[in-house]
mmCIF file of all heavy atoms, coordinates in Angstrom:
data_MODEL
# 
_entry.id   MODEL 
# 
loop_
_atom_site.group_PDB 
_atom_site.id 
_atom_site.type_symbol 
_atom_site.label_atom_id 
_atom_site.label_alt_id 
_atom_site.label_comp_id 
_atom_site.label_asym_id 
_atom_site.label_entity_id 
_atom_site.label_seq_id 
_atom_site.pdbx_PDB_ins_code 
_atom_site.Cartn_x 
_atom_site.Cartn_y 
_atom_site.Cartn_z 
_atom_site.occupancy 
_atom_site.B_iso_or_equiv 
_atom_site.pdbx_formal_charge 
_atom_site.auth_seq_id 
_atom_site.auth_comp_id 
_atom_site.auth_asym_id 
_atom_site.auth_atom_id 
_atom_site.pdbx_PDB_model_num 
ATOM 1   N N   . MET A 1 1  ? 6.593   10.451  9.017   1.00 0.00 ? 1  MET A N   1 
ATOM 2   C CA  . MET A 1 1  ? 7.086   11.583  8.249   1.00 0.00 ? 1  MET A CA  1 
ATOM 3   C C   . MET A 1 1  ? 7.048   12.808  9.106   1.00 0.00 ? 1  MET A C   1 
ATOM 4   O O   . MET A 1 1  ? 6.399   12.859  10.156  1.00 0.00 ? 1  MET A O   1 
ATOM 5   C CB  . MET A 1 1  ? 6.190   11.790  7.012   1.00 0.00 ? 1  MET A CB  1 
ATOM 6   C CG  . MET A 1 1  ? 6.259   10.661  5.977   1.00 0.00 ? 1  MET A CG  1 
ATOM 7   S SD  . MET A 1 1  ? 5.092   10.978  4.662   1.00 0.00 ? 1  MET A SD  1 
ATOM 8   C CE  . MET A 1 1  ? 5.576   12.652  4.171   1.00 0.00 ? 1  MET A CE  1 
ATOM 9   N N   . ALA A 1 2  ? 7.758   13.821  8.660   1.00 0.00 ? 2  ALA A N   1 
ATOM 10  C CA  . ALA A 1 2  ? 7.773   15.100  9.412   1.00 0.00 ? 2  ALA A CA  1 
ATOM 11  C C   . ALA A 1 2  ? 6.336   15.578  9.513   1.00 0.00 ? 2  ALA A C   1 
ATOM 12  O O   . ALA A 1 2  ? 5.627   15.699  8.526   1.00 0.00 ? 2  ALA A O   1 
ATOM 13  C CB  . ALA A 1 2  ? 8.637   16.095  8.687   1.00 0.00 ? 2  ALA A CB  1 
ATOM 14  N N   . GLY A 1 3  ? 5.926   15.910  10.762  1.00 0.00 ? 3  GLY A N   1 
ATOM 15  C CA  . GLY A 1 3  ? 4.590   16.411  10.937  1.00 0.00 ? 3  GLY A CA  1 
ATOM 16  C C   . GLY A 1 3  ? 3.556   15.306  10.936  1.00 0.00 ? 3  GLY A C   1 
ATOM 17  O O   . GLY A 1 3  ? 2.386   15.542  10.925  1.00 0.00 ? 3  GLY A O   1 
ATOM 18  N N   . GLY A 1 4  ? 4.013   14.029  10.910  1.00 0.00 ? 4  GLY A N   1 
ATOM 19  C CA  . GLY A 1 4  ? 3.085   12.937  10.771  1.00 0.00 ? 4  GLY A CA  1 
ATOM 20  C C   . GLY A 1 4  ? 2.838   12.223  12.079  1.00 0.00 ? 4  GLY A C   1 
ATOM 21  O O   . GLY A 1 4  ? 2.578   11.018  12.113  1.00 0.00 ? 4  GLY A O   1 
ATOM 22  N N   . GLU A 1 5  ? 2.948   12.874  13.189  1.00 0.00 ? 5  GLU A N   1 
ATOM 23  C CA  . GLU A 1 5  ? 2.741   12.273  14.492  1.00 0.00 ? 5  GLU A CA  1 
ATOM 24  C C   . GLU A 1 5  ? 1.322   11.713  14.578  1.00 0.00 ? 5  GLU A C   1 
ATOM 25  O O   . GLU A 1 5  ? 0.350   12.359  14.195  1.00 0.00 ? 5  GLU A O   1 
ATOM 26  C CB  . GLU A 1 5  ? 2.982   13.263  15.586  1.00 0.00 ? 5  GLU A CB  1 
ATOM 27  C CG  . GLU A 1 5  ? 2.963   12.682  17.012  1.00 0.00 ? 5  GLU A CG  1 
ATOM 28  C CD  . GLU A 1 5  ? 3.293   13.697  18.052  1.00 0.00 ? 5  GLU A CD  1 
ATOM 29  O OE1 . GLU A 1 5  ? 3.688   14.824  17.668  1.00 0.00 ? 5  GLU A OE1 1 
ATOM 30  O OE2 . GLU A 1 5  ? 3.202   13.349  19.196  1.00 0.00 ? 5  GLU A OE2 1 
ATOM 31  N N   . GLY A 1 6  ? 1.217   10.472  15.047  1.00 0.00 ? 6  GLY A N   1 
ATOM 32  C CA  . GLY A 1 6  ? -0.087  9.844   15.128  1.00 0.00 ? 6  GLY A CA  1 
ATOM 33  C C   . GLY A 1 6  ? -0.543  9.225   13.845  1.00 0.00 ? 6  GLY A C   1 
ATOM 34  O O   . GLY A 1 6  ? -1.702  8.920   13.685  1.00 0.00 ? 6  GLY A O   1 
ATOM 35  N N   . ARG A 1 7  ? 0.398   9.100   12.913  1.00 0.00 ? 7  ARG A N   1 
ATOM 36  C CA  . ARG A 1 7  ? 0.053   8.571   11.596  1.00 0.00 ? 7  ARG A CA  1 
ATOM 37  C C   . ARG A 1 7  ? -0.435  7.120   11.679  1.00 0.00 ? 7  ARG A C   1 
ATOM 38  O O   . ARG A 1 7  ? 0.140   6.310   12.417  1.00 0.00 ? 7  ARG A O   1 
ATOM 39  C CB  . ARG A 1 7  ? 1.332   8.578   10.740  1.00 0.00 ? 7  ARG A CB  1 
ATOM 40  C CG  . ARG A 1 7  ? 1.132   8.078   9.310   1.00 0.00 ? 7  ARG A CG  1 
ATOM 41  C CD  . ARG A 1 7  ? 2.486   7.924   8.641   1.00 0.00 ? 7  ARG A CD  1 
ATOM 42  N NE  . ARG A 1 7  ? 2.372   7.890   7.175   1.00 0.00 ? 7  ARG A NE  1 
ATOM 43  C CZ  . ARG A 1 7  ? 3.349   7.438   6.426   1.00 0.00 ? 7  ARG A CZ  1 
ATOM 44  N NH1 . ARG A 1 7  ? 4.494   7.082   6.924   1.00 0.00 ? 7  ARG A NH1 1 
ATOM 45  N NH2 . ARG A 1 7  ? 3.207   7.438   5.129   1.00 0.00 ? 7  ARG A NH2 1 
ATOM 46  N N   . VAL A 1 8  ? -1.504  6.821   10.995  1.00 0.00 ? 8  VAL A N   1 
ATOM 47  C CA  . VAL A 1 8  ? -2.104  5.498   10.975  1.00 0.00 ? 8  VAL A CA  1 
ATOM 48  C C   . VAL A 1 8  ? -2.009  4.918   9.585   1.00 0.00 ? 8  VAL A C   1 
ATOM 49  O O   . VAL A 1 8  ? -2.481  5.529   8.611   1.00 0.00 ? 8  VAL A O   1 
ATOM 50  C CB  . VAL A 1 8  ? -3.579  5.515   11.444  1.00 0.00 ? 8  VAL A CB  1 
ATOM 51  C CG1 . VAL A 1 8  ? -4.145  4.120   11.386  1.00 0.00 ? 8  VAL A CG1 1 
ATOM 52  C CG2 . VAL A 1 8  ? -3.676  6.088   12.864  1.00 0.00 ? 8  VAL A CG2 1 
ATOM 53  N N   . THR A 1 9  ? -1.360  3.742   9.446   1.00 0.00 ? 9  THR A N   1 
ATOM 54  C CA  . THR A 1 9  ? -1.224  3.112   8.133   1.00 0.00 ? 9  THR A CA  1 
ATOM 55  C C   . THR A 1 9  ? -2.333  2.095   7.993   1.00 0.00 ? 9  THR A C   1 
ATOM 56  O O   . THR A 1 9  ? -2.571  1.273   8.899   1.00 0.00 ? 9  THR A O   1 
ATOM 57  C CB  . THR A 1 9  ? 0.145   2.403   8.046   1.00 0.00 ? 9  THR A CB  1 
ATOM 58  O OG1 . THR A 1 9  ? 1.169   3.349   8.230   1.00 0.00 ? 9  THR A OG1 1 
ATOM 59  C CG2 . THR A 1 9  ? 0.290   1.689   6.733   1.00 0.00 ? 9  THR A CG2 1 
ATOM 60  N N   . PRO A 1 10 ? -3.089  2.105   6.872   1.00 0.00 ? 10 PRO A N   1 
ATOM 61  C CA  . PRO A 1 10 ? -4.176  1.161   6.699   1.00 0.00 ? 10 PRO A CA  1 
ATOM 62  C C   . PRO A 1 10 ? -3.677  -0.293  6.588   1.00 0.00 ? 10 PRO A C   1 
ATOM 63  O O   . PRO A 1 10 ? -2.624  -0.546  6.059   1.00 0.00 ? 10 PRO A O   1 
ATOM 64  C CB  . PRO A 1 10 ? -4.828  1.646   5.374   1.00 0.00 ? 10 PRO A CB  1 
ATOM 65  C CG  . PRO A 1 10 ? -3.740  2.332   4.658   1.00 0.00 ? 10 PRO A CG  1 
ATOM 66  C CD  . PRO A 1 10 ? -2.897  2.988   5.711   1.00 0.00 ? 10 PRO A CD  1 
ATOM 67  N N   . GLN A 1 11 ? -4.476  -1.216  7.145   1.00 0.00 ? 11 GLN A N   1 
ATOM 68  C CA  . GLN A 1 11 ? -4.188  -2.609  6.970   1.00 0.00 ? 11 GLN A CA  1 
ATOM 69  C C   . GLN A 1 11 ? -4.924  -3.064  5.705   1.00 0.00 ? 11 GLN A C   1 
ATOM 70  O O   . GLN A 1 11 ? -6.124  -2.779  5.484   1.00 0.00 ? 11 GLN A O   1 
ATOM 71  C CB  . GLN A 1 11 ? -4.726  -3.370  8.207   1.00 0.00 ? 11 GLN A CB  1 
ATOM 72  C CG  . GLN A 1 11 ? -3.980  -3.036  9.481   1.00 0.00 ? 11 GLN A CG  1 
ATOM 73  C CD  . GLN A 1 11 ? -4.529  -3.792  10.680  1.00 0.00 ? 11 GLN A CD  1 
ATOM 74  O OE1 . GLN A 1 11 ? -5.724  -4.083  10.716  1.00 0.00 ? 11 GLN A OE1 1 
ATOM 75  N NE2 . GLN A 1 11 ? -3.673  -4.116  11.603  1.00 0.00 ? 11 GLN A NE2 1 
ATOM 76  N N   . LEU A 1 12 ? -4.186  -3.808  4.876   1.00 0.00 ? 12 LEU A N   1 
ATOM 77  C CA  . LEU A 1 12 ? -4.728  -4.192  3.565   1.00 0.00 ? 12 LEU A CA  1 
ATOM 78  C C   . LEU A 1 12 ? -4.696  -5.738  3.406   1.00 0.00 ? 12 LEU A C   1 
ATOM 79  O O   . LEU A 1 12 ? -3.648  -6.287  3.002   1.00 0.00 ? 12 LEU A O   1 
ATOM 80  C CB  . LEU A 1 12 ? -3.930  -3.537  2.433   1.00 0.00 ? 12 LEU A CB  1 
ATOM 81  C CG  . LEU A 1 12 ? -3.810  -1.997  2.508   1.00 0.00 ? 12 LEU A CG  1 
ATOM 82  C CD1 . LEU A 1 12 ? -2.884  -1.478  1.439   1.00 0.00 ? 12 LEU A CD1 1 
ATOM 83  C CD2 . LEU A 1 12 ? -5.198  -1.350  2.360   1.00 0.00 ? 12 LEU A CD2 1 
ATOM 84  N N   . PRO A 1 13 ? -5.771  -6.437  3.695   1.00 0.00 ? 13 PRO A N   1 
ATOM 85  C CA  . PRO A 1 13 ? -5.781  -7.867  3.443   1.00 0.00 ? 13 PRO A CA  1 
ATOM 86  C C   . PRO A 1 13 ? -5.526  -8.186  1.977   1.00 0.00 ? 13 PRO A C   1 
ATOM 87  O O   . PRO A 1 13 ? -6.202  -7.625  1.104   1.00 0.00 ? 13 PRO A O   1 
ATOM 88  C CB  . PRO A 1 13 ? -7.166  -8.289  3.865   1.00 0.00 ? 13 PRO A CB  1 
ATOM 89  C CG  . PRO A 1 13 ? -7.671  -7.176  4.773   1.00 0.00 ? 13 PRO A CG  1 
ATOM 90  C CD  . PRO A 1 13 ? -7.025  -5.933  4.246   1.00 0.00 ? 13 PRO A CD  1 
ATOM 91  N N   . SER A 1 14 ? -4.564  -9.020  1.696   1.00 0.00 ? 14 SER A N   1 
ATOM 92  C CA  . SER A 1 14 ? -4.197  -9.257  0.303   1.00 0.00 ? 14 SER A CA  1 
ATOM 93  C C   . SER A 1 14 ? -5.028  -10.361 -0.343  1.00 0.00 ? 14 SER A C   1 
ATOM 94  O O   . SER A 1 14 ? -5.097  -10.433 -1.588  1.00 0.00 ? 14 SER A O   1 
ATOM 95  C CB  . SER A 1 14 ? -2.722  -9.724  0.214   1.00 0.00 ? 14 SER A CB  1 
ATOM 96  O OG  . SER A 1 14 ? -2.516  -10.945 0.896   1.00 0.00 ? 14 SER A OG  1 
ATOM 97  N N   . GLY A 1 15 ? -5.661  -11.198 0.466   1.00 0.00 ? 15 GLY A N   1 
ATOM 98  C CA  . GLY A 1 15 ? -6.498  -12.253 -0.097  1.00 0.00 ? 15 GLY A CA  1 
ATOM 99  C C   . GLY A 1 15 ? -5.659  -13.349 -0.709  1.00 0.00 ? 15 GLY A C   1 
ATOM 100 O O   . GLY A 1 15 ? -4.438  -13.433 -0.551  1.00 0.00 ? 15 GLY A O   1 
ATOM 101 N N   . GLU A 1 16 ? -6.345  -14.217 -1.454  1.00 0.00 ? 16 GLU A N   1 
ATOM 102 C CA  . GLU A 1 16 ? -5.687  -15.342 -2.127  1.00 0.00 ? 16 GLU A CA  1 
ATOM 103 C C   . GLU A 1 16 ? -6.300  -15.510 -3.511  1.00 0.00 ? 16 GLU A C   1 
ATOM 104 O O   . GLU A 1 16 ? -7.497  -15.401 -3.657  1.00 0.00 ? 16 GLU A O   1 
ATOM 105 C CB  . GLU A 1 16 ? -5.828  -16.614 -1.337  1.00 0.00 ? 16 GLU A CB  1 
ATOM 106 C CG  . GLU A 1 16 ? -5.035  -17.785 -1.779  1.00 0.00 ? 16 GLU A CG  1 
ATOM 107 C CD  . GLU A 1 16 ? -5.102  -18.960 -0.850  1.00 0.00 ? 16 GLU A CD  1 
ATOM 108 O OE1 . GLU A 1 16 ? -6.218  -19.415 -0.591  1.00 0.00 ? 16 GLU A OE1 1 
ATOM 109 O OE2 . GLU A 1 16 ? -4.023  -19.408 -0.361  1.00 0.00 ? 16 GLU A OE2 1 
ATOM 110 N N   . ASN A 1 17 ? -5.482  -15.755 -4.516  1.00 0.00 ? 17 ASN A N   1 
ATOM 111 C CA  . ASN A 1 17 ? -5.933  -15.895 -5.875  1.00 0.00 ? 17 ASN A CA  1 
ATOM 112 C C   . ASN A 1 17 ? -6.082  -17.369 -6.255  1.00 0.00 ? 17 ASN A C   1 
ATOM 113 O O   . ASN A 1 17 ? -5.209  -18.166 -5.888  1.00 0.00 ? 17 ASN A O   1 
ATOM 114 C CB  . ASN A 1 17 ? -5.033  -15.215 -6.903  1.00 0.00 ? 17 ASN A CB  1 
ATOM 115 C CG  . ASN A 1 17 ? -5.058  -13.698 -6.774  1.00 0.00 ? 17 ASN A CG  1 
ATOM 116 O OD1 . ASN A 1 17 ? -5.608  -13.163 -5.802  1.00 0.00 ? 17 ASN A OD1 1 
ATOM 117 N ND2 . ASN A 1 17 ? -4.492  -13.044 -7.749  1.00 0.00 ? 17 ASN A ND2 1 
ATOM 118 N N   . LYS A 1 18 ? -7.175  -17.686 -6.977  1.00 0.00 ? 18 LYS A N   1 
ATOM 119 C CA  . LYS A 1 18 ? -7.294  -19.034 -7.518  1.00 0.00 ? 18 LYS A CA  1 
ATOM 120 C C   . LYS A 1 18 ? -7.442  -18.922 -9.025  1.00 0.00 ? 18 LYS A C   1 
ATOM 121 O O   . LYS A 1 18 ? -8.395  -18.315 -9.530  1.00 0.00 ? 18 LYS A O   1 
ATOM 122 C CB  . LYS A 1 18 ? -8.459  -19.774 -6.919  1.00 0.00 ? 18 LYS A CB  1 
ATOM 123 C CG  . LYS A 1 18 ? -8.633  -21.171 -7.541  1.00 0.00 ? 18 LYS A CG  1 
ATOM 124 C CD  . LYS A 1 18 ? -9.578  -22.063 -6.711  1.00 0.00 ? 18 LYS A CD  1 
ATOM 125 C CE  . LYS A 1 18 ? -11.028 -21.608 -6.829  1.00 0.00 ? 18 LYS A CE  1 
ATOM 126 N NZ  . LYS A 1 18 ? -11.883 -22.593 -6.102  1.00 0.00 ? 18 LYS A NZ  1 
ATOM 127 N N   . VAL A 1 19 ? -6.477  -19.514 -9.775  1.00 0.00 ? 19 VAL A N   1 
ATOM 128 C CA  . VAL A 1 19 ? -6.539  -19.481 -11.234 1.00 0.00 ? 19 VAL A CA  1 
ATOM 129 C C   . VAL A 1 19 ? -7.154  -20.779 -11.700 1.00 0.00 ? 19 VAL A C   1 
ATOM 130 O O   . VAL A 1 19 ? -6.734  -21.860 -11.315 1.00 0.00 ? 19 VAL A O   1 
ATOM 131 C CB  . VAL A 1 19 ? -5.116  -19.347 -11.824 1.00 0.00 ? 19 VAL A CB  1 
ATOM 132 C CG1 . VAL A 1 19 ? -5.180  -19.388 -13.345 1.00 0.00 ? 19 VAL A CG1 1 
ATOM 133 C CG2 . VAL A 1 19 ? -4.454  -18.060 -11.357 1.00 0.00 ? 19 VAL A CG2 1 
ATOM 134 N N   . THR A 1 20 ? -8.206  -20.655 -12.507 1.00 0.00 ? 20 THR A N   1 
ATOM 135 C CA  . THR A 1 20 ? -8.969  -21.827 -12.969 1.00 0.00 ? 20 THR A CA  1 
ATOM 136 C C   . THR A 1 20 ? -8.916  -21.968 -14.479 1.00 0.00 ? 20 THR A C   1 
ATOM 137 O O   . THR A 1 20 ? -9.015  -20.982 -15.188 1.00 0.00 ? 20 THR A O   1 
ATOM 138 C CB  . THR A 1 20 ? -10.443 -21.709 -12.524 1.00 0.00 ? 20 THR A CB  1 
ATOM 139 O OG1 . THR A 1 20 ? -10.487 -21.575 -11.114 1.00 0.00 ? 20 THR A OG1 1 
ATOM 140 C CG2 . THR A 1 20 ? -11.219 -22.916 -12.962 1.00 0.00 ? 20 THR A CG2 1 
ATOM 141 N N   . SER A 1 21 ? -8.711  -23.165 -14.961 1.00 0.00 ? 21 SER A N   1 
ATOM 142 C CA  . SER A 1 21 ? -8.696  -23.491 -16.371 1.00 0.00 ? 21 SER A CA  1 
ATOM 143 C C   . SER A 1 21 ? -9.744  -24.561 -16.662 1.00 0.00 ? 21 SER A C   1 
ATOM 144 O O   . SER A 1 21 ? -9.810  -25.578 -15.939 1.00 0.00 ? 21 SER A O   1 
ATOM 145 C CB  . SER A 1 21 ? -7.313  -23.923 -16.855 1.00 0.00 ? 21 SER A CB  1 
ATOM 146 O OG  . SER A 1 21 ? -7.367  -24.352 -18.217 1.00 0.00 ? 21 SER A OG  1 
ATOM 147 N N   . ASN A 1 22 ? -10.534 -24.349 -17.685 1.00 0.00 ? 22 ASN A N   1 
ATOM 148 C CA  . ASN A 1 22 ? -11.510 -25.381 -18.109 1.00 0.00 ? 22 ASN A CA  1 
ATOM 149 C C   . ASN A 1 22 ? -11.200 -25.767 -19.542 1.00 0.00 ? 22 ASN A C   1 
ATOM 150 O O   . ASN A 1 22 ? -11.052 -24.926 -20.432 1.00 0.00 ? 22 ASN A O   1 
ATOM 151 C CB  . ASN A 1 22 ? -12.946 -24.802 -18.035 1.00 0.00 ? 22 ASN A CB  1 
ATOM 152 C CG  . ASN A 1 22 ? -13.377 -24.547 -16.600 1.00 0.00 ? 22 ASN A CG  1 
ATOM 153 O OD1 . ASN A 1 22 ? -13.660 -25.438 -15.847 1.00 0.00 ? 22 ASN A OD1 1 
ATOM 154 N ND2 . ASN A 1 22 ? -13.379 -23.281 -16.193 1.00 0.00 ? 22 ASN A ND2 1 
ATOM 155 N N   . VAL A 1 23 ? -11.087 -27.094 -19.804 1.00 0.00 ? 23 VAL A N   1 
ATOM 156 C CA  . VAL A 1 23 ? -10.787 -27.553 -21.125 1.00 0.00 ? 23 VAL A CA  1 
ATOM 157 C C   . VAL A 1 23 ? -11.868 -28.555 -21.599 1.00 0.00 ? 23 VAL A C   1 
ATOM 158 O O   . VAL A 1 23 ? -12.526 -29.210 -20.766 1.00 0.00 ? 23 VAL A O   1 
ATOM 159 C CB  . VAL A 1 23 ? -9.416  -28.261 -21.201 1.00 0.00 ? 23 VAL A CB  1 
ATOM 160 C CG1 . VAL A 1 23 ? -8.318  -27.293 -20.769 1.00 0.00 ? 23 VAL A CG1 1 
ATOM 161 C CG2 . VAL A 1 23 ? -9.379  -29.529 -20.343 1.00 0.00 ? 23 VAL A CG2 1 
ATOM 162 N N   . THR A 1 24 ? -12.007 -28.650 -22.885 1.00 0.00 ? 24 THR A N   1 
ATOM 163 C CA  . THR A 1 24 ? -12.906 -29.632 -23.529 1.00 0.00 ? 24 THR A CA  1 
ATOM 164 C C   . THR A 1 24 ? -12.098 -30.420 -24.577 1.00 0.00 ? 24 THR A C   1 
ATOM 165 O O   . THR A 1 24 ? -11.448 -29.803 -25.453 1.00 0.00 ? 24 THR A O   1 
ATOM 166 C CB  . THR A 1 24 ? -14.112 -28.970 -24.152 1.00 0.00 ? 24 THR A CB  1 
ATOM 167 O OG1 . THR A 1 24 ? -14.852 -28.235 -23.194 1.00 0.00 ? 24 THR A OG1 1 
ATOM 168 C CG2 . THR A 1 24 ? -15.047 -30.009 -24.788 1.00 0.00 ? 24 THR A CG2 1 
# 
């Protein structure tokens, strides 16, 4: 961006989702 010299963008690990269902 204007005036943004040296700008550093954060790294964002997204991870992984596990959806679990338990039934009886």
